[in-house]
Amino acid sequence: TVSTYQSDVCLHTTAEKFYIEACDDGAGDVLAIDRVSTEVTLAVRKDIPPSAVTRPMCGIMGTIRLVAGMYLIVITKKKKVGDLLGHAIWKATDFDIVSYKKTVLHLTDTQMQDNKAFLSMINSVLNTDGFFFATDYDLTHTLQRLANTSPEFQEMTLLERVREISFLSSSCCINGKIFDWNIISRRSCFRAGVRYYIRGIDSEGHAANFVETEQIVQYNGAKASFVQTRGSIPFYWSQRPNLKYKPKPQISKSVNHLDGFQRHFDSQIITYGKQVILNLVNQKGSEKPLEQAFAKMVDSLGNGMIKYVAFDFHKECSRMRWHRLQILVDMVAEIQNEFGYFLVDSDGTVQLQQDGTFRSNCMDCLDRTNVIQSLLARRSLQSQLERIGVLHVGQRIEEQADFEKIYKNAWADNANACAKQYAGTGALKTDFTRTGKRTQWGLLMDGWNSMIRYYKNNFSDGFRQDSIDLFLGNYAVEEADMNTPLHEPKDWKFLTLPIIMVVAFSMCIICLLMAGDTWTETLAYVLFWGSASVVTAGVILFNGRDFVDAPKLVQKEKMD
């Protein structure tokens, strides 16, 4: 997928070509795309025929090949969501998918249905909240990386550096001093996918749901940044949906885990420096083997740049004892002081560098992870605001009621943005992030979101996974393809057993409502139909994987 952005773009359409013109920069060059050969060339304004149909747009998302041929994806609406270091940050809010072909009459009925299915997949990804861009700033890298890059990197186009981004921005005031505060979360496009279908790592060491989160504060020309990461437990494991509320995680027994594990942390150390792993999974039950395997692999690696910290989040915070999270914060406080943060003074001189990052994970790297990241980020922000002169000595962020509310809500919004992309719903535990305490209403909302997650993970995530794989190019469609994987036949059990269960359960209810001549006759009918529905439900659960919505485009084995 190609990505390039313009601040004000016009799309001129003729029968033979698309002409894309940057309308606001005075440039004479025009991008011309041949709708037949798909060749892209540079033209000039006078090459645009007067008969061309012109429409304004905000940028080009890219091009993609589907069954009907090539399509151009354009951004038709954008919304300004804030500023970062004086640069406007935009959110793409509406898109259009424009066909190179003028007709689809050359397709068979089956091909037209497949093309329609692929288009709905692309629309599904585009409608997921989370496409942000800047026309004159690189949002895809941290302040520290941009400050330390080579001249060759600075000359690279934004297209060559792109990643999916979540952006939150606020202008805040403490002690009468106005400063800008931002959270940017950058989701890796490697091993991207949905909650239960994409876990662990791939052979290159890319972790599922890997997100780099940077908190930036700017005041009087000085700017400071603190970076954290999250990502799935980095070895080969899976947790396929099977109709159970919480499928049992499976650690692969047929591969060398240490190879991919080492690749993952080698790349992390090169990018971020020293690593402190904060593993927040349960240390009992189905999550215990994952925690034990993670600890064992860190020991086997024997790398002094990596420190492992296990903290059983649910056990420590059980019975609403959320104040016990401070135990973990205190445990790593000295290391956090050692890592520091990135700081540039008002003269543009680099004063401090961040020497390492905390890599947090739970099972999904969403709810528990976000709570811990918000606490560590607040501790770093306390030091940063003191250093750049916003907070007086002895003042605490927690005492600044207005800013504290902004801070907590922004981190809760960040949790929701990450969770919607991976799990399909907003994050859990955001009542603690927003208010600093766990509430009964928050527990109810977590229950509601958990129910929605259960439904989506079992009955719609296959489509979402296929959509992501198609959008990222993990699955390539051939033009006029006659044999796509979309028509994989369902096993006979898929329709037969649910029908039997519904009929049996209905008969059981009818027998209860329309009693027979004797109670023994009624009881016999109820027991028969009730047993039939229970047995059928048991068979369905036993064969759960046959009944969930599984991905079709990329083979499941390749994902593990």
Protein backbone atom coordinates (compact mmCIF):
# COMPACT_ATOMS: atom_id res chain seq x y z
CA THR A 1 0.00 0.00 0.00
CA VAL A 2 1.42 3.39 -1.01
CA SER A 3 0.92 6.41 1.24
CA THR A 4 1.53 10.03 0.32
CA TYR A 5 -0.20 13.14 1.61
CA GLN A 6 -0.82 16.60 0.27
CA SER A 7 -2.33 19.54 2.09
CA ASP A 8 -4.78 20.39 -0.71
CA VAL A 9 -5.09 18.09 -3.69
CA CYS A 10 -7.30 18.00 -6.77
CA LEU A 11 -8.15 14.80 -8.61
CA HIS A 12 -8.85 15.35 -12.33
CA THR A 13 -10.46 12.30 -13.99
CA THR A 14 -10.68 11.52 -17.70
CA ALA A 15 -11.58 8.28 -19.50
CA GLU A 16 -7.88 7.47 -19.94
CA LYS A 17 -6.08 8.98 -16.94
CA PHE A 18 -6.17 10.34 -13.40
CA TYR A 19 -4.34 13.64 -12.89
CA ILE A 20 -3.40 14.48 -9.29
CA GLU A 21 -2.50 18.11 -8.68
CA ALA A 22 -1.25 19.79 -5.50
CA CYS A 23 -3.38 22.91 -5.68
CA ASP A 24 -1.83 25.07 -2.99
CA ASP A 25 1.93 25.00 -3.42
CA GLY A 26 2.40 26.68 -6.79
CA ALA A 27 4.09 23.61 -8.27
CA GLY A 28 3.65 23.04 -11.98
CA ASP A 29 4.07 19.26 -11.84
CA VAL A 30 1.06 16.94 -11.95
CA LEU A 31 1.01 13.21 -11.19
CA ALA A 32 -0.57 11.31 -14.09
CA ILE A 33 -1.83 7.72 -13.70
CA ASP A 34 -2.77 5.79 -16.83
CA ARG A 35 -6.03 3.93 -16.10
CA VAL A 36 -5.21 1.17 -18.62
CA SER A 37 -1.48 0.49 -18.23
CA THR A 38 -1.41 1.78 -14.57
CA GLU A 39 1.82 3.64 -15.45
CA VAL A 40 2.58 6.62 -13.21
CA THR A 41 4.33 9.62 -14.80
CA LEU A 42 4.95 13.32 -14.15
CA ALA A 43 3.03 15.77 -16.30
CA VAL A 44 2.35 19.52 -16.21
CA ARG A 45 -0.87 21.45 -15.61
CA LYS A 46 -1.47 22.18 -19.28
CA ASP A 47 -1.63 18.41 -19.97
CA ILE A 48 -4.92 18.19 -18.03
CA PRO A 49 -7.75 18.16 -20.61
CA PRO A 50 -10.49 20.79 -20.08
CA SER A 51 -13.05 17.97 -20.20
CA ALA A 52 -11.58 16.35 -17.05
CA VAL A 53 -13.94 15.98 -14.07
CA THR A 54 -12.33 17.72 -11.09
CA ARG A 55 -12.89 17.00 -7.40
CA PRO A 56 -11.01 18.25 -4.33
CA MET A 57 -9.45 15.78 -1.91
CA CYS A 58 -7.06 15.77 1.02
CA GLY A 59 -4.53 13.19 -0.12
CA ILE A 60 -3.80 9.81 -1.64
CA MET A 61 -3.86 6.76 0.63
CA GLY A 62 -2.51 4.45 -2.06
CA THR A 63 -3.41 1.96 -4.75
CA ILE A 64 -4.52 -1.67 -4.52
CA ARG A 65 -5.26 -4.42 -7.03
CA LEU A 66 -8.56 -6.30 -6.67
CA VAL A 67 -10.41 -8.73 -8.94
CA ALA A 68 -11.79 -5.90 -11.10
CA GLY A 69 -8.35 -4.34 -11.49
CA MET A 70 -6.54 -1.43 -9.84
CA TYR A 71 -8.18 1.00 -7.43
CA LEU A 72 -7.04 4.40 -6.18
CA ILE A 73 -7.77 5.08 -2.48
CA VAL A 74 -8.12 8.80 -1.75
CA ILE A 75 -8.73 10.78 1.44
CA THR A 76 -11.81 12.93 0.89
CA LYS A 77 -12.17 14.52 4.36
CA LYS A 78 -9.75 15.40 7.13
CA LYS A 79 -10.05 16.91 10.58
CA LYS A 80 -7.40 18.84 12.47
CA VAL A 81 -6.81 17.13 15.82
CA GLY A 82 -3.99 19.27 17.20
CA ASP A 83 -0.47 20.56 16.71
CA LEU A 84 2.88 18.92 17.36
CA LEU A 85 5.92 21.19 17.65
CA GLY A 86 4.13 23.80 15.53
CA HIS A 87 3.02 21.34 12.83
CA ALA A 88 -0.67 20.68 12.13
CA ILE A 89 -1.76 17.06 12.71
CA TRP A 90 -4.70 15.79 10.68
CA LYS A 91 -7.00 12.80 11.03
CA ALA A 92 -8.29 11.21 7.83
CA THR A 93 -12.05 10.86 8.38
CA ASP A 94 -13.47 9.83 5.01
CA PHE A 95 -12.16 7.95 1.99
CA ASP A 96 -13.18 6.97 -1.52
CA ILE A 97 -12.07 3.95 -3.53
CA VAL A 98 -11.92 4.86 -7.23
CA SER A 99 -11.72 2.15 -9.89
CA TYR A 100 -9.26 2.44 -12.76
CA LYS A 101 -11.70 0.43 -14.87
CA LYS A 102 -14.78 2.20 -16.21
CA THR A 103 -16.97 -0.95 -15.95
CA VAL A 104 -17.03 -4.36 -14.27
CA LEU A 105 -19.09 -6.02 -17.03
CA HIS A 106 -16.05 -8.12 -18.01
CA LEU A 107 -16.37 -10.05 -14.72
CA THR A 108 -18.44 -13.16 -14.07
CA ASP A 109 -21.08 -13.12 -11.32
CA THR A 110 -18.71 -14.95 -8.95
CA GLN A 111 -15.88 -12.52 -9.69
CA MET A 112 -18.19 -9.57 -9.08
CA GLN A 113 -19.19 -11.04 -5.71
CA ASP A 114 -15.53 -11.57 -4.79
CA ASN A 115 -14.62 -8.04 -5.85
CA LYS A 116 -17.49 -6.68 -3.75
CA ALA A 117 -16.25 -8.72 -0.75
CA PHE A 118 -12.69 -7.38 -1.16
CA LEU A 119 -13.99 -3.80 -1.41
CA SER A 120 -15.95 -4.26 1.82
CA MET A 121 -12.72 -5.50 3.48
CA ILE A 122 -10.83 -2.38 2.41
CA ASN A 123 -13.69 -0.18 3.63
CA SER A 124 -13.67 -2.05 6.93
CA VAL A 125 -10.02 -1.08 7.54
CA LEU A 126 -10.52 2.50 6.37
CA ASN A 127 -13.47 2.89 8.74
CA THR A 128 -11.33 1.85 11.71
CA ASP A 129 -10.49 4.96 13.68
CA GLY A 130 -6.80 5.74 13.56
CA PHE A 131 -5.35 7.25 10.37
CA PHE A 132 -3.38 10.40 11.21
CA PHE A 133 -0.94 12.40 9.11
CA ALA A 134 1.07 15.60 8.91
CA THR A 135 2.07 17.24 5.64
CA ASP A 136 5.32 18.78 6.91
CA TYR A 137 6.45 16.58 9.82
CA ASP A 138 7.42 12.92 10.32
CA LEU A 139 4.92 11.49 12.81
CA THR A 140 6.28 7.96 12.42
CA HIS A 141 9.43 8.40 14.52
CA THR A 142 10.27 9.59 18.04
CA LEU A 143 11.92 12.94 18.72
CA GLN A 144 15.09 11.14 19.78
CA ARG A 145 15.32 9.05 16.59
CA LEU A 146 14.73 12.11 14.42
CA ALA A 147 17.46 14.00 16.31
CA ASN A 148 19.95 11.13 15.92
CA THR A 149 19.29 10.15 12.31
CA SER A 150 21.76 10.37 9.47
CA PRO A 151 21.40 12.89 6.63
CA GLU A 152 20.43 9.97 4.37
CA PHE A 153 17.45 9.18 6.59
CA GLN A 154 16.38 12.83 6.64
CA GLU A 155 16.26 12.73 2.84
CA MET A 156 13.91 9.70 2.81
CA THR A 157 10.32 10.45 1.88
CA LEU A 158 7.60 10.06 4.52
CA LEU A 159 6.29 7.23 2.33
CA GLU A 160 9.39 5.15 3.18
CA ARG A 161 8.94 5.59 6.95
CA VAL A 162 5.16 5.17 7.36
CA ARG A 163 3.36 3.38 10.26
CA GLU A 164 -0.20 3.38 11.62
CA ILE A 165 -0.61 6.08 14.26
CA SER A 166 -2.87 7.19 17.10
CA PHE A 167 -2.53 10.85 18.17
CA LEU A 168 -3.85 12.80 21.18
CA SER A 169 -3.03 16.47 21.75
CA SER A 170 -3.78 19.01 24.50
CA SER A 171 -2.79 22.57 25.32
CA CYS A 172 -2.50 22.66 29.13
CA CYS A 173 -1.86 25.20 31.87
CA ILE A 174 -0.15 24.82 35.26
CA ASN A 175 0.95 27.79 37.39
CA GLY A 176 -0.24 30.10 34.60
CA LYS A 177 2.26 28.50 32.21
CA ILE A 178 0.79 27.14 28.97
CA PHE A 179 2.46 24.06 27.50
CA ASP A 180 1.63 21.48 24.82
CA TRP A 181 1.28 17.82 25.79
CA ASN A 182 0.86 14.95 23.31
CA ILE A 183 0.56 11.17 23.25
CA ILE A 184 1.45 9.38 20.01
CA SER A 185 0.99 5.60 19.66
CA ARG A 186 2.53 4.00 16.58
CA ARG A 187 1.28 0.52 15.75
CA SER A 188 3.64 -1.73 13.81
CA CYS A 189 2.42 -2.92 10.41
CA PHE A 190 4.38 -6.17 10.89
CA ARG A 191 2.41 -9.13 12.28
CA ALA A 192 -0.67 -6.92 12.40
CA GLY A 193 -4.03 -8.44 13.07
CA VAL A 194 -6.79 -9.13 15.55
CA ARG A 195 -6.75 -10.34 19.12
CA TYR A 196 -6.93 -14.16 19.04
CA TYR A 197 -5.67 -14.85 15.52
CA ILE A 198 -2.37 -12.99 15.83
CA ARG A 199 -0.29 -13.79 18.92
CA GLY A 200 3.43 -14.14 19.69
CA ILE A 201 6.07 -13.47 17.04
CA ASP A 202 6.94 -14.42 13.47
CA SER A 203 10.24 -15.83 12.20
CA GLU A 204 11.67 -12.32 11.77
CA GLY A 205 11.03 -11.52 15.44
CA HIS A 206 8.11 -9.13 14.83
CA ALA A 207 5.67 -9.23 17.76
CA ALA A 208 1.89 -9.12 17.44
CA ASN A 209 0.16 -5.88 18.49
CA PHE A 210 3.50 -4.10 18.86
CA VAL A 211 2.91 -0.43 19.71
CA GLU A 212 5.43 2.32 20.44
CA THR A 213 3.92 5.07 22.63
CA GLU A 214 5.63 8.44 22.96
CA GLN A 215 4.61 11.18 25.39
CA ILE A 216 5.82 14.65 24.32
CA VAL A 217 5.74 17.90 26.29
CA GLN A 218 6.79 21.31 24.90
CA TYR A 219 7.18 24.61 26.77
CA ASN A 220 8.99 27.83 25.79
CA GLY A 221 10.89 26.13 22.97
CA ALA A 222 12.09 23.24 25.17
CA LYS A 223 10.73 19.78 24.40
CA ALA A 224 10.89 16.45 26.21
CA SER A 225 9.88 12.94 25.18
CA PHE A 226 9.37 9.62 27.00
CA VAL A 227 8.96 6.40 25.01
CA GLN A 228 7.50 3.03 26.02
CA THR A 229 6.64 -0.09 24.01
CA ARG A 230 4.14 -2.92 24.25
CA GLY A 231 3.93 -6.17 22.32
CA SER A 232 2.78 -9.76 22.51
CA ILE A 233 4.87 -12.26 24.51
CA PRO A 234 7.73 -12.74 22.01
CA PHE A 235 7.87 -16.44 21.26
CA TYR A 236 5.74 -18.84 19.22
CA TRP A 237 2.31 -19.33 20.79
CA SER A 238 -1.31 -19.17 19.71
CA GLN A 239 -4.77 -18.81 21.22
CA ARG A 240 -7.26 -19.65 18.51
CA PRO A 241 -10.95 -18.83 19.22
CA ASN A 242 -13.04 -21.96 19.80
CA LEU A 243 -16.33 -20.60 21.27
CA LYS A 244 -14.94 -20.77 24.81
CA TYR A 245 -14.85 -17.49 26.71
CA LYS A 246 -11.09 -17.72 27.16
CA PRO A 247 -9.34 -20.21 24.83
CA LYS A 248 -6.34 -21.95 26.34
CA PRO A 249 -3.01 -20.55 25.05
CA GLN A 250 -0.84 -23.11 23.21
CA ILE A 251 2.96 -22.81 23.14
CA SER A 252 4.38 -24.32 19.94
CA LYS A 253 6.49 -27.45 20.54
CA SER A 254 7.85 -27.80 17.00
CA VAL A 255 10.02 -24.67 16.61
CA ASN A 256 13.15 -23.13 18.12
CA HIS A 257 11.71 -20.29 20.20
CA LEU A 258 15.06 -18.75 21.12
CA ASP A 259 15.89 -17.89 17.50
CA GLY A 260 12.92 -15.56 16.95
CA PHE A 261 13.09 -14.40 20.59
CA GLN A 262 16.69 -13.22 20.09
CA ARG A 263 15.86 -11.53 16.78
CA HIS A 264 13.07 -9.60 18.52
CA PHE A 265 15.22 -8.30 21.34
CA ASP A 266 18.23 -7.61 19.12
CA SER A 267 16.05 -5.22 17.09
CA GLN A 268 14.58 -3.70 20.27
CA ILE A 269 18.02 -3.00 21.74
CA ILE A 270 19.24 -1.44 18.48
CA THR A 271 16.17 0.81 18.33
CA TYR A 272 15.59 1.63 22.00
CA GLY A 273 18.64 0.62 24.06
CA LYS A 274 18.29 -1.33 27.31
CA GLN A 275 15.06 -3.29 27.81
CA VAL A 276 13.02 -3.80 30.98
CA ILE A 277 10.26 -6.35 30.39
CA LEU A 278 7.16 -5.80 32.53
CA ASN A 279 5.21 -9.05 32.24
CA LEU A 280 1.76 -8.49 33.77
CA VAL A 281 0.13 -11.88 33.05
CA ASN A 282 -1.36 -14.13 35.74
CA GLN A 283 1.15 -16.40 37.46
CA LYS A 284 -1.42 -19.19 37.82
CA GLY A 285 -3.97 -20.88 35.59
CA SER A 286 -3.73 -20.92 31.79
CA GLU A 287 -1.42 -17.89 31.66
CA LYS A 288 1.19 -19.41 34.03
CA PRO A 289 3.06 -21.47 31.35
CA LEU A 290 3.53 -18.31 29.25
CA GLU A 291 5.04 -16.42 32.21
CA GLN A 292 7.36 -19.34 33.05
CA ALA A 293 8.48 -19.75 29.43
CA PHE A 294 9.13 -15.99 29.08
CA ALA A 295 11.28 -15.91 32.26
CA LYS A 296 13.18 -19.03 31.16
CA MET A 297 13.98 -17.59 27.71
CA VAL A 298 15.27 -14.32 29.17
CA ASP A 299 17.57 -16.38 31.42
CA SER A 300 18.67 -18.54 28.47
CA LEU A 301 19.49 -15.46 26.40
CA GLY A 302 21.79 -14.14 29.15
CA ASN A 303 21.80 -10.60 27.74
CA GLY A 304 22.78 -7.96 30.31
CA MET A 305 20.80 -5.36 28.34
CA ILE A 306 17.53 -7.13 29.22
CA LYS A 307 15.91 -7.21 32.66
CA TYR A 308 12.77 -9.26 33.37
CA VAL A 309 10.13 -8.17 35.92
CA ALA A 310 7.01 -10.32 36.50
CA PHE A 311 4.05 -8.67 38.22
CA ASP A 312 0.77 -10.58 38.59
CA PHE A 313 -1.55 -7.64 37.94
CA HIS A 314 -4.82 -9.40 38.73
CA LYS A 315 -3.55 -11.02 41.93
CA GLU A 316 -1.98 -7.81 43.27
CA CYS A 317 -5.03 -5.68 42.45
CA SER A 318 -7.70 -8.22 43.43
CA ARG A 319 -10.58 -7.06 45.62
CA MET A 320 -10.25 -3.50 44.23
CA ARG A 321 -6.75 -2.99 45.74
CA TRP A 322 -5.57 -0.83 42.85
CA HIS A 323 -3.26 1.21 45.06
CA ARG A 324 -0.94 -1.83 44.97
CA LEU A 325 0.13 -0.86 41.43
CA GLN A 326 2.48 1.54 43.21
CA ILE A 327 4.48 -1.56 44.24
CA LEU A 328 5.53 -2.08 40.61
CA VAL A 329 6.17 1.63 40.00
CA ASP A 330 8.43 1.76 43.08
CA MET A 331 10.12 -1.49 42.05
CA VAL A 332 11.31 0.01 38.73
CA ALA A 333 11.72 3.66 39.86
CA GLU A 334 15.52 3.47 40.07
CA ILE A 335 15.74 1.92 36.58
CA GLN A 336 13.38 4.58 35.20
CA ASN A 337 15.62 7.30 36.66
CA GLU A 338 18.61 5.62 34.99
CA PHE A 339 16.85 5.41 31.60
CA GLY A 340 15.80 9.08 31.80
CA TYR A 341 14.06 10.75 28.87
CA PHE A 342 14.91 12.76 25.77
CA LEU A 343 15.25 16.52 26.37
CA VAL A 344 16.07 19.41 24.02
CA ASP A 345 16.44 22.93 25.45
CA SER A 346 15.04 26.12 23.92
CA ASP A 347 18.29 26.62 21.95
CA GLY A 348 17.82 23.27 20.22
CA THR A 349 20.64 21.61 22.14
CA VAL A 350 20.11 17.99 23.20
CA GLN A 351 20.45 17.88 27.00
CA LEU A 352 19.40 14.29 27.76
CA GLN A 353 18.91 11.03 25.87
CA GLN A 354 16.60 8.16 26.87
CA ASP A 355 18.87 5.12 27.32
CA GLY A 356 16.29 2.34 27.54
CA THR A 357 12.58 1.52 27.42
CA PHE A 358 10.02 -0.41 29.38
CA ARG A 359 8.45 -3.15 27.25
CA SER A 360 5.10 -3.96 28.87
CA ASN A 361 2.84 -6.89 28.06
CA CYS A 362 -0.20 -8.73 29.33
CA MET A 363 -2.10 -11.27 27.21
CA ASP A 364 -3.60 -8.76 24.78
CA CYS A 365 -1.17 -5.90 25.58
CA LEU A 366 -4.21 -3.64 26.01
CA ASP A 367 -5.96 -3.17 29.33
CA ARG A 368 -3.42 -4.06 32.04
CA THR A 369 -0.59 -2.75 29.89
CA ASN A 370 -2.15 0.67 29.35
CA VAL A 371 -2.76 1.17 33.10
CA ILE A 372 0.91 0.54 33.89
CA GLN A 373 2.16 2.68 30.98
CA SER A 374 0.06 5.64 32.16
CA LEU A 375 1.62 5.42 35.65
CA LEU A 376 5.19 5.28 34.33
CA ALA A 377 4.47 8.13 31.91
CA ARG A 378 3.14 10.30 34.74
CA ARG A 379 6.29 9.70 36.77
CA SER A 380 8.45 10.76 33.80
CA LEU A 381 6.25 13.80 33.13
CA GLN A 382 6.68 14.93 36.76
CA SER A 383 10.43 15.12 36.24
CA GLN A 384 10.13 16.73 32.79
CA LEU A 385 7.79 19.51 33.93
CA GLU A 386 10.09 20.32 36.84
CA ARG A 387 13.12 20.39 34.54
CA ILE A 388 11.60 22.73 31.93
CA GLY A 389 10.19 25.08 34.59
CA VAL A 390 6.45 24.40 34.54
CA LEU A 391 6.23 22.80 38.00
CA HIS A 392 7.81 24.37 41.08
CA VAL A 393 10.00 22.24 43.34
CA GLY A 394 7.79 20.14 45.60
CA GLN A 395 4.69 20.45 43.40
CA ARG A 396 3.03 17.20 42.27
CA ILE A 397 1.10 16.54 39.05
CA GLU A 398 -1.58 14.79 41.12
CA GLU A 399 -2.30 18.11 42.87
CA GLN A 400 -3.04 19.92 39.58
CA ALA A 401 -6.72 18.95 39.31
CA ASP A 402 -7.42 20.39 35.84
CA PHE A 403 -4.35 18.88 34.22
CA GLU A 404 -4.76 15.57 36.06
CA LYS A 405 -8.23 15.20 34.51
CA ILE A 406 -6.86 15.92 31.01
CA TYR A 407 -3.99 13.49 31.60
CA LYS A 408 -6.16 10.59 32.76
CA ASN A 409 -8.76 11.02 30.02
CA ALA A 410 -6.09 11.19 27.31
CA TRP A 411 -4.47 7.95 28.48
CA ALA A 412 -7.90 6.28 28.63
CA ASP A 413 -8.60 7.49 25.07
CA ASN A 414 -5.22 6.09 24.01
CA ALA A 415 -6.21 2.73 25.53
CA ASN A 416 -9.48 2.76 23.60
CA ALA A 417 -7.76 3.60 20.30
CA CYS A 418 -5.32 0.68 20.65
CA ALA A 419 -8.02 -1.73 21.85
CA LYS A 420 -10.49 -0.98 19.04
CA GLN A 421 -7.89 -1.87 16.42
CA TYR A 422 -6.82 -5.17 18.05
CA ALA A 423 -9.80 -6.43 20.10
CA GLY A 424 -12.70 -4.69 18.36
CA THR A 425 -13.97 -2.77 21.44
CA GLY A 426 -12.80 -0.02 23.76
CA ALA A 427 -10.30 -0.95 26.48
CA LEU A 428 -11.18 -2.43 29.85
CA LYS A 429 -10.19 -0.86 33.19
CA THR A 430 -10.37 2.68 31.76
CA ASP A 431 -12.38 3.81 34.79
CA PHE A 432 -9.16 3.48 36.80
CA THR A 433 -7.17 5.34 34.15
CA ARG A 434 -9.77 8.15 34.04
CA THR A 435 -10.47 8.50 37.78
CA GLY A 436 -7.60 6.82 39.62
CA LYS A 437 -9.94 4.30 41.22
CA ARG A 438 -11.97 1.22 40.28
CA THR A 439 -15.76 1.71 40.24
CA GLN A 440 -18.81 -0.57 40.11
CA TRP A 441 -19.93 1.18 36.91
CA GLY A 442 -16.49 0.51 35.45
CA LEU A 443 -16.87 -3.19 36.25
CA LEU A 444 -20.27 -3.24 34.50
CA MET A 445 -18.83 -1.52 31.41
CA ASP A 446 -15.94 -4.02 31.38
CA GLY A 447 -18.50 -6.82 31.45
CA TRP A 448 -20.37 -5.30 28.50
CA ASN A 449 -17.16 -4.80 26.49
CA SER A 450 -16.08 -8.36 27.31
CA MET A 451 -19.38 -9.69 25.89
CA ILE A 452 -18.90 -7.69 22.69
CA ARG A 453 -15.31 -8.93 22.43
CA TYR A 454 -16.50 -12.53 22.84
CA TYR A 455 -18.96 -12.14 19.97
CA LYS A 456 -16.52 -10.35 17.67
CA ASN A 457 -13.59 -12.67 18.44
CA ASN A 458 -15.68 -15.73 17.58
CA PHE A 459 -18.02 -14.54 14.83
CA SER A 460 -16.49 -11.57 12.98
CA ASP A 461 -12.72 -11.50 13.54
CA GLY A 462 -11.97 -13.78 10.59
CA PHE A 463 -13.32 -11.07 8.29
CA ARG A 464 -11.38 -8.36 10.19
CA GLN A 465 -8.16 -10.40 9.92
CA ASP A 466 -8.69 -10.93 6.19
CA SER A 467 -9.31 -7.17 5.81
CA ILE A 468 -6.01 -6.31 7.50
CA ASP A 469 -4.07 -8.91 5.49
CA LEU A 470 -5.54 -7.57 2.24
CA PHE A 471 -4.90 -3.93 3.16
CA LEU A 472 -1.26 -4.56 4.16
CA GLY A 473 -0.49 -6.69 1.11
CA ASN A 474 -0.06 -9.97 3.04
CA TYR A 475 -2.55 -11.36 0.53
CA ALA A 476 -2.30 -10.20 -3.09
CA VAL A 477 -5.36 -10.42 -5.36
CA GLU A 478 -4.78 -11.31 -8.99
CA GLU A 479 -6.83 -9.37 -11.53
CA ALA A 480 -9.75 -11.43 -12.92
CA ASP A 481 -8.91 -14.11 -10.34
CA MET A 482 -11.28 -17.07 -10.82
CA ASN A 483 -10.28 -18.97 -7.68
CA THR A 484 -10.12 -16.84 -4.52
CA PRO A 485 -10.12 -18.50 -1.05
CA LEU A 486 -13.41 -16.73 -0.19
CA HIS A 487 -15.48 -19.77 -1.26
CA GLU A 488 -14.04 -22.30 1.15
CA PRO A 489 -16.89 -24.78 1.74
CA LYS A 490 -18.22 -25.13 5.30
CA ASP A 491 -18.26 -28.50 7.06
CA TRP A 492 -21.71 -30.15 7.35
CA LYS A 493 -21.63 -29.61 11.11
CA PHE A 494 -21.63 -25.83 10.62
CA LEU A 495 -25.32 -25.65 9.69
CA THR A 496 -26.73 -28.98 10.86
CA LEU A 497 -25.81 -28.91 14.56
CA PRO A 498 -26.99 -25.34 15.32
CA ILE A 499 -30.35 -26.11 13.63
CA ILE A 500 -30.74 -29.30 15.71
CA MET A 501 -29.87 -27.40 18.90
CA VAL A 502 -32.36 -24.59 18.19
CA VAL A 503 -35.14 -27.06 17.29
CA ALA A 504 -34.48 -29.18 20.40
CA PHE A 505 -34.41 -26.14 22.69
CA SER A 506 -37.61 -24.78 21.11
CA MET A 507 -39.37 -28.11 21.61
CA CYS A 508 -38.24 -28.14 25.25
CA ILE A 509 -39.83 -24.71 25.82
CA ILE A 510 -43.03 -25.73 23.97
CA CYS A 511 -43.34 -28.84 26.15
CA LEU A 512 -43.03 -26.69 29.25
CA LEU A 513 -45.69 -24.24 28.06
CA MET A 514 -48.09 -26.87 26.68
CA ALA A 515 -48.16 -29.52 29.39
CA GLY A 516 -49.26 -33.05 28.52
CA ASP A 517 -52.05 -35.08 30.14
CA THR A 518 -49.82 -36.10 33.04
CA TRP A 519 -46.78 -34.54 34.67
CA THR A 520 -44.73 -37.65 33.94
CA GLU A 521 -45.46 -37.31 30.21
CA THR A 522 -44.50 -33.62 30.29
CA LEU A 523 -41.32 -34.40 32.25
CA ALA A 524 -40.35 -37.11 29.76
CA TYR A 525 -40.71 -34.74 26.79
CA VAL A 526 -38.83 -31.92 28.57
CA LEU A 527 -35.99 -34.27 29.57
CA PHE A 528 -35.75 -35.68 26.04
CA TRP A 529 -35.65 -32.36 24.21
CA GLY A 530 -33.59 -30.70 26.94
CA SER A 531 -31.01 -33.49 26.77
CA ALA A 532 -30.95 -33.25 22.96
CA SER A 533 -30.25 -29.50 23.10
CA VAL A 534 -27.56 -29.89 25.83
CA VAL A 535 -25.80 -32.76 24.01
CA THR A 536 -25.86 -30.82 20.72
CA ALA A 537 -24.48 -27.72 22.46
CA GLY A 538 -21.72 -29.89 23.94
CA VAL A 539 -20.81 -31.28 20.50
CA ILE A 540 -20.72 -27.71 19.10
CA LEU A 541 -18.40 -26.55 21.90
CA PHE A 542 -16.19 -29.63 21.44
CA ASN A 543 -15.84 -28.75 17.75
CA GLY A 544 -15.70 -25.00 18.47
CA ARG A 545 -13.10 -24.14 15.83
CA ASP A 546 -15.46 -25.33 13.07
CA PHE A 547 -18.05 -22.76 14.13
CA VAL A 548 -15.99 -19.58 14.52
CA ASP A 549 -15.37 -17.03 11.76
CA ALA A 550 -11.83 -17.95 10.70
CA PRO A 551 -9.59 -16.00 8.27
CA LYS A 552 -9.64 -17.29 4.70
CA LEU A 553 -6.97 -15.32 2.83
CA VAL A 554 -3.77 -16.21 4.71
CA GLN A 555 -3.25 -19.76 5.91
CA LYS A 556 -3.50 -20.09 9.70
CA GLU A 557 -0.19 -21.99 9.95
CA LYS A 558 1.64 -18.96 8.54
CA MET A 559 0.29 -16.77 11.33
CA ASP A 560 1.68 -18.87 14.20
